[in-house]
Amino acid sequence: MENKELKEFKEILHEVKDLDRFRKFMLFCMERLERGEEVSDIWNAWVQSGL
């Protein structure tokens, strides 16, 4: 990760109120991105999952 990207990620992480749910979200996204799914499809699946 570039310094700018790392800084942005840290800023986002600082705003996270539920670290366990954030971790679940990141794993959920990573698995689907590795399979080549589109971001919009991943987001819709996350919202529908109720996790």
N, C-alpha and C. Protein backbone atom coordinates (compact mmCIF):
# COMPACT_ATOMS: atom_id res chain seq x y z
N MET A 1 0.84 -1.18 0.00
CA MET A 1 0.00 0.00 0.00
C MET A 1 0.89 1.24 0.00
N GLU A 2 0.52 2.22 -0.78
CA GLU A 2 1.26 3.47 -0.79
C GLU A 2 0.97 4.24 0.50
N ASN A 3 1.82 5.18 0.81
CA ASN A 3 1.64 5.97 2.02
C ASN A 3 0.29 6.67 2.06
N LYS A 4 -0.14 7.23 0.93
CA LYS A 4 -1.44 7.92 0.87
C LYS A 4 -2.57 6.94 1.16
N GLU A 5 -2.50 5.76 0.54
CA GLU A 5 -3.54 4.75 0.75
C GLU A 5 -3.55 4.26 2.19
N LEU A 6 -2.37 4.08 2.76
CA LEU A 6 -2.28 3.64 4.15
C LEU A 6 -2.86 4.69 5.09
N LYS A 7 -2.57 5.95 4.82
CA LYS A 7 -3.11 7.04 5.63
C LYS A 7 -4.64 7.06 5.55
N GLU A 8 -5.17 6.92 4.34
CA GLU A 8 -6.62 6.91 4.16
C GLU A 8 -7.25 5.72 4.89
N PHE A 9 -6.61 4.55 4.81
CA PHE A 9 -7.13 3.37 5.49
C PHE A 9 -7.14 3.58 7.00
N LYS A 10 -6.07 4.15 7.53
CA LYS A 10 -6.01 4.41 8.98
C LYS A 10 -7.09 5.39 9.40
N GLU A 11 -7.37 6.39 8.56
CA GLU A 11 -8.44 7.35 8.88
C GLU A 11 -9.79 6.65 8.93
N ILE A 12 -10.03 5.77 7.99
CA ILE A 12 -11.28 5.01 7.97
C ILE A 12 -11.36 4.11 9.19
N LEU A 13 -10.27 3.40 9.47
CA LEU A 13 -10.23 2.49 10.61
C LEU A 13 -10.48 3.23 11.92
N HIS A 14 -9.99 4.45 12.03
CA HIS A 14 -10.18 5.25 13.23
C HIS A 14 -11.67 5.54 13.48
N GLU A 15 -12.45 5.61 12.40
CA GLU A 15 -13.88 5.92 12.52
C GLU A 15 -14.74 4.69 12.79
N VAL A 16 -14.15 3.50 12.69
CA VAL A 16 -14.90 2.26 12.88
C VAL A 16 -15.32 2.13 14.34
N LYS A 17 -16.60 1.87 14.54
CA LYS A 17 -17.13 1.74 15.89
C LYS A 17 -17.22 0.28 16.33
N ASP A 18 -17.35 -0.64 15.38
CA ASP A 18 -17.48 -2.06 15.69
C ASP A 18 -16.40 -2.82 14.90
N LEU A 19 -15.26 -3.04 15.54
CA LEU A 19 -14.12 -3.66 14.85
C LEU A 19 -14.42 -5.08 14.40
N ASP A 20 -15.21 -5.83 15.16
CA ASP A 20 -15.54 -7.20 14.76
C ASP A 20 -16.37 -7.20 13.48
N ARG A 21 -17.35 -6.32 13.40
CA ARG A 21 -18.18 -6.25 12.19
C ARG A 21 -17.36 -5.76 11.01
N PHE A 22 -16.45 -4.82 11.24
CA PHE A 22 -15.58 -4.32 10.18
C PHE A 22 -14.70 -5.45 9.65
N ARG A 23 -14.18 -6.27 10.55
CA ARG A 23 -13.36 -7.41 10.14
C ARG A 23 -14.17 -8.38 9.28
N LYS A 24 -15.40 -8.65 9.70
CA LYS A 24 -16.27 -9.53 8.92
C LYS A 24 -16.52 -8.95 7.53
N PHE A 25 -16.74 -7.64 7.49
CA PHE A 25 -16.97 -6.96 6.21
C PHE A 25 -15.76 -7.08 5.30
N MET A 26 -14.57 -6.85 5.85
CA MET A 26 -13.34 -6.93 5.05
C MET A 26 -13.14 -8.35 4.51
N LEU A 27 -13.34 -9.36 5.34
CA LEU A 27 -13.19 -10.74 4.88
C LEU A 27 -14.23 -11.09 3.82
N PHE A 28 -15.45 -10.63 4.04
CA PHE A 28 -16.54 -10.84 3.09
C PHE A 28 -16.16 -10.26 1.73
N CYS A 29 -15.63 -9.05 1.73
CA CYS A 29 -15.24 -8.38 0.49
C CYS A 29 -14.05 -9.06 -0.17
N MET A 30 -13.03 -9.38 0.61
CA MET A 30 -11.82 -9.97 0.05
C MET A 30 -12.12 -11.29 -0.66
N GLU A 31 -12.93 -12.12 -0.05
CA GLU A 31 -13.27 -13.41 -0.66
C GLU A 31 -13.93 -13.20 -2.02
N ARG A 32 -14.82 -12.26 -2.09
CA ARG A 32 -15.57 -12.03 -3.33
C ARG A 32 -14.73 -11.30 -4.38
N LEU A 33 -13.88 -10.39 -3.95
CA LEU A 33 -12.99 -9.73 -4.89
C LEU A 33 -12.03 -10.72 -5.53
N GLU A 34 -11.55 -11.67 -4.74
CA GLU A 34 -10.65 -12.71 -5.26
C GLU A 34 -11.35 -13.57 -6.31
N ARG A 35 -12.66 -13.70 -6.20
CA ARG A 35 -13.42 -14.48 -7.18
C ARG A 35 -13.78 -13.64 -8.41
N GLY A 36 -13.46 -12.35 -8.36
CA GLY A 36 -13.71 -11.47 -9.50
C GLY A 36 -15.07 -10.82 -9.52
N GLU A 37 -15.77 -10.83 -8.39
CA GLU A 37 -17.09 -10.20 -8.34
C GLU A 37 -16.96 -8.68 -8.39
N GLU A 38 -17.98 -8.04 -8.92
CA GLU A 38 -18.02 -6.58 -9.00
C GLU A 38 -18.32 -5.99 -7.62
N VAL A 39 -17.77 -4.80 -7.38
CA VAL A 39 -17.95 -4.14 -6.08
C VAL A 39 -19.42 -3.92 -5.78
N SER A 40 -20.19 -3.49 -6.76
CA SER A 40 -21.62 -3.24 -6.52
C SER A 40 -22.35 -4.53 -6.13
N ASP A 41 -21.96 -5.65 -6.74
CA ASP A 41 -22.57 -6.94 -6.38
C ASP A 41 -22.17 -7.36 -4.97
N ILE A 42 -20.93 -7.09 -4.62
CA ILE A 42 -20.45 -7.42 -3.27
C ILE A 42 -21.21 -6.60 -2.24
N TRP A 43 -21.37 -5.30 -2.50
CA TRP A 43 -22.09 -4.44 -1.57
C TRP A 43 -23.53 -4.92 -1.40
N ASN A 44 -24.19 -5.23 -2.51
CA ASN A 44 -25.57 -5.72 -2.43
C ASN A 44 -25.65 -7.01 -1.63
N ALA A 45 -24.70 -7.91 -1.84
CA ALA A 45 -24.68 -9.17 -1.09
C ALA A 45 -24.47 -8.91 0.40
N TRP A 46 -23.61 -7.95 0.73
CA TRP A 46 -23.35 -7.61 2.14
C TRP A 46 -24.62 -7.07 2.79
N VAL A 47 -25.28 -6.15 2.11
CA VAL A 47 -26.50 -5.55 2.66
C VAL A 47 -27.57 -6.62 2.87
N GLN A 48 -27.71 -7.52 1.91
CA GLN A 48 -28.71 -8.58 2.01
C GLN A 48 -28.35 -9.64 3.04
N SER A 49 -27.06 -9.78 3.34
CA SER A 49 -26.63 -10.83 4.27
C SER A 49 -27.06 -10.56 5.71
N GLY A 50 -27.20 -9.29 6.05
CA GLY A 50 -27.57 -8.94 7.41
C GLY A 50 -26.47 -9.16 8.43
N LEU A 51 -25.24 -9.37 7.98
CA LEU A 51 -24.13 -9.61 8.91
C LEU A 51 -23.75 -8.36 9.67
